[in-house]
Amino acid sequence: MQTSSPPRSLSPLARRIRAVLWEWDPIGVRLIGEGWPEDEYDDLLLPIMAALAEHPDADELAADLRTVLETDYGLPSPEGCHDVARALLDLNRSHQRR
């Protein structure tokens, strides 16, 4: 998984993924203060959606998240990858049932 340019318009699934990422906030932009754009993590949307299409388990998705955050964002051992991976997998399952 690598970051990519975000899509110009967001699908319902992408908007839900965005909300999960913003809630997680792995780089801590909400702690810095007001004014950060809601699209701060949109470069992760397409890679996450592509990863979800491969039907990973939580460990695989968490490892992908950890790798992209360490490599592209420069974060050492980001916390919460497994929790977010499970949330994204749950979200994807509920989206597929629609």
Protein backbone atom coordinates (compact mmCIF):
# COMPACT_ATOMS: atom_id res chain seq x y z
CA MET A 1 0.00 0.00 0.00
CA GLN A 2 1.27 3.47 -0.91
CA THR A 3 -0.37 6.84 -0.59
CA SER A 4 -1.98 8.24 -3.73
CA SER A 5 -3.82 11.29 -4.96
CA PRO A 6 -7.32 11.31 -3.53
CA PRO A 7 -10.33 10.90 -5.77
CA ARG A 8 -12.02 14.14 -6.84
CA SER A 9 -15.39 13.14 -5.46
CA LEU A 10 -15.83 10.66 -2.67
CA SER A 11 -18.03 7.59 -2.76
CA PRO A 12 -20.06 6.75 0.33
CA LEU A 13 -17.46 4.11 1.27
CA ALA A 14 -14.62 6.61 0.85
CA ARG A 15 -16.43 9.12 3.08
CA ARG A 16 -16.82 6.46 5.78
CA ILE A 17 -13.15 5.50 5.50
CA ARG A 18 -12.25 9.19 5.77
CA ALA A 19 -14.26 9.41 9.00
CA VAL A 20 -12.45 6.38 10.46
CA LEU A 21 -9.06 7.85 9.55
CA TRP A 22 -9.94 11.28 10.93
CA GLU A 23 -11.14 9.70 14.18
CA TRP A 24 -7.91 7.69 14.41
CA ASP A 25 -5.78 10.70 13.47
CA PRO A 26 -2.45 8.85 13.38
CA ILE A 27 -0.33 11.96 12.91
CA GLY A 28 -2.18 13.91 15.58
CA VAL A 29 -3.35 16.92 13.59
CA ARG A 30 -6.34 17.44 15.87
CA LEU A 31 -3.97 17.85 18.81
CA ILE A 32 -2.17 20.66 17.00
CA GLY A 33 -5.28 22.78 16.79
CA GLU A 34 -8.15 23.94 14.63
CA GLY A 35 -8.02 24.53 10.93
CA TRP A 36 -6.78 21.22 9.56
CA PRO A 37 -8.66 20.18 6.43
CA GLU A 38 -10.92 17.17 6.62
CA ASP A 39 -9.07 15.70 3.65
CA GLU A 40 -5.81 15.38 5.62
CA TYR A 41 -5.77 11.60 5.17
CA ASP A 42 -7.39 11.36 1.74
CA ASP A 43 -4.16 10.13 0.17
CA LEU A 44 -4.85 6.88 2.03
CA LEU A 45 -8.38 6.40 0.66
CA LEU A 46 -7.61 4.72 -2.66
CA PRO A 47 -4.89 2.44 -1.24
CA ILE A 48 -7.20 1.36 1.59
CA MET A 49 -10.08 0.73 -0.80
CA ALA A 50 -7.76 -1.31 -3.04
CA ALA A 51 -6.52 -3.28 -0.03
CA LEU A 52 -10.10 -3.96 1.13
CA ALA A 53 -10.94 -5.29 -2.35
CA GLU A 54 -8.28 -7.97 -1.77
CA HIS A 55 -10.21 -9.22 1.31
CA PRO A 56 -7.34 -9.04 3.81
CA ASP A 57 -7.63 -10.16 7.38
CA ALA A 58 -7.11 -7.66 10.20
CA ASP A 59 -3.44 -8.55 10.63
CA GLU A 60 -2.69 -8.04 6.93
CA LEU A 61 -4.52 -4.72 6.75
CA ALA A 62 -2.91 -3.51 9.98
CA ALA A 63 0.52 -4.38 8.59
CA ASP A 64 -0.27 -2.46 5.40
CA LEU A 65 -1.42 0.56 7.40
CA ARG A 66 1.67 0.43 9.59
CA THR A 67 3.97 0.19 6.57
CA VAL A 68 2.44 3.14 4.73
CA LEU A 69 2.45 5.31 7.84
CA GLU A 70 6.05 4.44 8.62
CA THR A 71 7.22 4.82 5.01
CA ASP A 72 5.14 7.67 3.58
CA TYR A 73 4.34 9.60 6.75
CA GLY A 74 7.55 8.86 8.62
CA LEU A 75 5.80 7.69 11.77
CA PRO A 76 7.69 5.22 13.95
CA SER A 77 5.40 2.36 14.99
CA PRO A 78 2.02 4.12 14.73
CA GLU A 79 -0.43 2.97 17.37
CA GLY A 80 -3.92 1.71 16.72
CA CYS A 81 -3.31 0.00 13.37
CA HIS A 82 -5.11 -3.20 14.41
CA ASP A 83 -8.11 -1.35 15.83
CA VAL A 84 -8.42 0.74 12.67
CA ALA A 85 -7.95 -2.31 10.45
CA ARG A 86 -10.82 -4.06 12.26
CA ALA A 87 -12.99 -0.94 11.98
CA LEU A 88 -12.26 -0.67 8.25
CA LEU A 89 -13.02 -4.35 7.69
CA ASP A 90 -16.32 -4.02 9.59
CA LEU A 91 -17.18 -0.91 7.60
CA ASN A 92 -16.39 -2.68 4.33
CA ARG A 93 -18.52 -5.70 5.28
CA SER A 94 -21.48 -3.49 6.13
CA HIS A 95 -21.01 -1.55 2.89
CA GLN A 96 -21.01 -4.77 0.84
CA ARG A 97 -24.29 -5.89 2.39
CA ARG A 98 -26.09 -2.83 1.02
